[in-house]
């Protein structure tokens, strides 16, 4: 259970960072 939980946490953080990058990219492009 621990390894899978760690993997899910890592995937969640990566998706969150990706959304944040797209958010800032859009603001900067305007």
PDB file of N, CA and C in Angstrom:
ATOM      1  N   UNK A   1       0.835  -1.212   0.000  1.00  0.00           N
ATOM      2  CA  UNK A   1       0.000   0.000   0.000  1.00  0.00           C
ATOM      3  C   UNK A   1       0.868   1.259   0.000  1.00  0.00           C
ATOM      4  N   UNK A   2       1.959   1.239   0.738  1.00  0.00           N
ATOM      5  CA  UNK A   2       2.793   2.443   0.804  1.00  0.00           C
ATOM      6  C   UNK A   2       3.355   2.849  -0.557  1.00  0.00           C
ATOM      7  N   UNK A   3       3.966   1.916  -1.298  1.00  0.00           N
ATOM      8  CA  UNK A   3       4.530   2.305  -2.600  1.00  0.00           C
ATOM      9  C   UNK A   3       3.472   2.892  -3.527  1.00  0.00           C
ATOM     10  N   UNK A   4       2.311   2.242  -3.624  1.00  0.00           N
ATOM     11  CA  UNK A   4       1.266   2.742  -4.518  1.00  0.00           C
ATOM     12  C   UNK A   4       0.810   4.130  -4.066  1.00  0.00           C
ATOM     13  N   UNK A   5       0.728   4.340  -2.752  1.00  0.00           N
ATOM     14  CA  UNK A   5       0.320   5.647  -2.238  1.00  0.00           C
ATOM     15  C   UNK A   5       1.335   6.706  -2.637  1.00  0.00           C
ATOM     16  N   UNK A   6       2.620   6.336  -2.551  1.00  0.00           N
ATOM     17  CA  UNK A   6       3.686   7.275  -2.934  1.00  0.00           C
ATOM     18  C   UNK A   6       3.580   7.617  -4.417  1.00  0.00           C
ATOM     19  N   UNK A   7       3.315   6.581  -5.226  1.00  0.00           N
ATOM     20  CA  UNK A   7       3.204   6.800  -6.680  1.00  0.00           C
ATOM     21  C   UNK A   7       2.025   7.722  -6.983  1.00  0.00           C
ATOM     22  N   UNK A   8       0.892   7.465  -6.336  1.00  0.00           N
ATOM     23  CA  UNK A   8      -0.286   8.306  -6.566  1.00  0.00           C
ATOM     24  C   UNK A   8       0.012   9.742  -6.166  1.00  0.00           C
ATOM     25  N   UNK A   9       0.719   9.916  -5.045  1.00  0.00           N
ATOM     26  CA  UNK A   9       1.051  11.259  -4.577  1.00  0.00           C
ATOM     27  C   UNK A   9       1.942  11.961  -5.598  1.00  0.00           C
ATOM     28  N   UNK A  10       2.922  11.228  -6.127  1.00  0.00           N
ATOM     29  CA  UNK A  10       3.844  11.805  -7.113  1.00  0.00           C
ATOM     30  C   UNK A  10       3.087  12.212  -8.375  1.00  0.00           C
ATOM     31  N   UNK A  11       2.195  11.329  -8.835  1.00  0.00           N
ATOM     32  CA  UNK A  11       1.417  11.637 -10.044  1.00  0.00           C
ATOM     33  C   UNK A  11       0.548  12.872  -9.788  1.00  0.00           C
ATOM     34  N   UNK A  12      -0.065  12.932  -8.619  1.00  0.00           N
ATOM     35  CA  UNK A  12      -0.919  14.073  -8.284  1.00  0.00           C
ATOM     36  C   UNK A  12      -0.124  15.371  -8.293  1.00  0.00           C
ATOM     37  N   UNK A  13       1.068  15.357  -7.714  1.00  0.00           N
ATOM     38  CA  UNK A  13       1.901  16.560  -7.679  1.00  0.00           C
ATOM     39  C   UNK A  13       2.305  16.967  -9.088  1.00  0.00           C
ATOM     40  N   UNK A  14       2.644  15.982  -9.924  1.00  0.00           N
ATOM     41  CA  UNK A  14       3.058  16.298 -11.299  1.00  0.00           C
ATOM     42  C   UNK A  14       1.904  16.930 -12.071  1.00  0.00           C
ATOM     43  N   UNK A  15       0.703  16.403 -11.900  1.00  0.00           N
ATOM     44  CA  UNK A  15      -0.456  16.963 -12.605  1.00  0.00           C
ATOM     45  C   UNK A  15      -0.730  18.375 -12.105  1.00  0.00           C
ATOM     46  N   UNK A  16      -0.596  18.595 -10.781  1.00  0.00           N
ATOM     47  CA  UNK A  16      -0.829  19.917 -10.207  1.00  0.00           C
ATOM     48  C   UNK A  16       0.171  20.917 -10.771  1.00  0.00           C
ATOM     49  N   UNK A  17       1.446  20.512 -10.831  1.00  0.00           N
ATOM     50  CA  UNK A  17       2.486  21.399 -11.360  1.00  0.00           C
ATOM     51  C   UNK A  17       2.219  21.705 -12.830  1.00  0.00           C
ATOM     52  N   UNK A  18       1.764  20.700 -13.572  1.00  0.00           N
ATOM     53  CA  UNK A  18       1.489  20.897 -14.998  1.00  0.00           C
ATOM     54  C   UNK A  18       0.381  21.929 -15.178  1.00  0.00           C
ATOM     55  N   UNK A  19      -0.671  21.830 -14.363  1.00  0.00           N
ATOM     56  CA  UNK A  19      -1.782  22.788 -14.449  1.00  0.00           C
ATOM     57  C   UNK A  19      -1.280  24.189 -14.127  1.00  0.00           C
ATOM     58  N   UNK A  20      -0.430  24.302 -13.097  1.00  0.00           N
ATOM     59  CA  UNK A  20       0.086  25.609 -12.700  1.00  0.00           C
ATOM     60  C   UNK A  20       0.927  26.211 -13.822  1.00  0.00           C
ATOM     61  N   UNK A  21       1.747  25.370 -14.470  1.00  0.00           N
ATOM     62  CA  UNK A  21       2.590  25.863 -15.575  1.00  0.00           C
ATOM     63  C   UNK A  21       1.709  26.380 -16.708  1.00  0.00           C
ATOM     64  N   UNK A  22       0.672  25.635 -17.057  1.00  0.00           N
ATOM     65  CA  UNK A  22      -0.221  26.061 -18.136  1.00  0.00           C
ATOM     66  C   UNK A  22      -0.920  27.360 -17.757  1.00  0.00           C
ATOM     67  N   UNK A  23      -1.304  27.471 -16.482  1.00  0.00           N
ATOM     68  CA  UNK A  23      -1.978  28.673 -15.996  1.00  0.00           C
ATOM     69  C   UNK A  23      -1.083  29.889 -16.174  1.00  0.00           C
ATOM     70  N   UNK A  24       0.168  29.800 -15.725  1.00  0.00           N
ATOM     71  CA  UNK A  24       1.103  30.926 -15.849  1.00  0.00           C
ATOM     72  C   UNK A  24       1.456  31.172 -17.300  1.00  0.00           C
ATOM     73  N   UNK A  25       1.561  30.090 -18.092  1.00  0.00           N
ATOM     74  CA  UNK A  25       1.901  30.242 -19.506  1.00  0.00           C
ATOM     75  C   UNK A  25       0.817  31.048 -20.216  1.00  0.00           C
ATOM     76  N   UNK A  26      -0.427  30.765 -19.897  1.00  0.00           N
ATOM     77  CA  UNK A  26      -1.543  31.502 -20.519  1.00  0.00           C
ATOM     78  C   UNK A  26      -1.484  32.970 -20.137  1.00  0.00           C
ATOM     79  N   UNK A  27      -1.255  33.253 -18.869  1.00  0.00           N
ATOM     80  CA  UNK A  27      -1.206  34.647 -18.401  1.00  0.00           C
ATOM     81  C   UNK A  27      -0.068  35.389 -19.092  1.00  0.00           C
ATOM     82  N   UNK A  28       1.091  34.741 -19.181  1.00  0.00           N
ATOM     83  CA  UNK A  28       2.248  35.400 -19.790  1.00  0.00           C
ATOM     84  C   UNK A  28       2.047  35.608 -21.288  1.00  0.00           C
ATOM     85  N   UNK A  29       1.319  34.717 -21.932  1.00  0.00           N
ATOM     86  CA  UNK A  29       1.140  34.828 -23.385  1.00  0.00           C
ATOM     87  C   UNK A  29       0.206  35.981 -23.733  1.00  0.00           C
ATOM     88  N   UNK A  30      -0.751  36.262 -22.881  1.00  0.00           N
ATOM     89  CA  UNK A  30      -1.719  37.335 -23.160  1.00  0.00           C
ATOM     90  C   UNK A  30      -1.004  38.687 -23.170  1.00  0.00           C
TER      91      UNK A  30
END
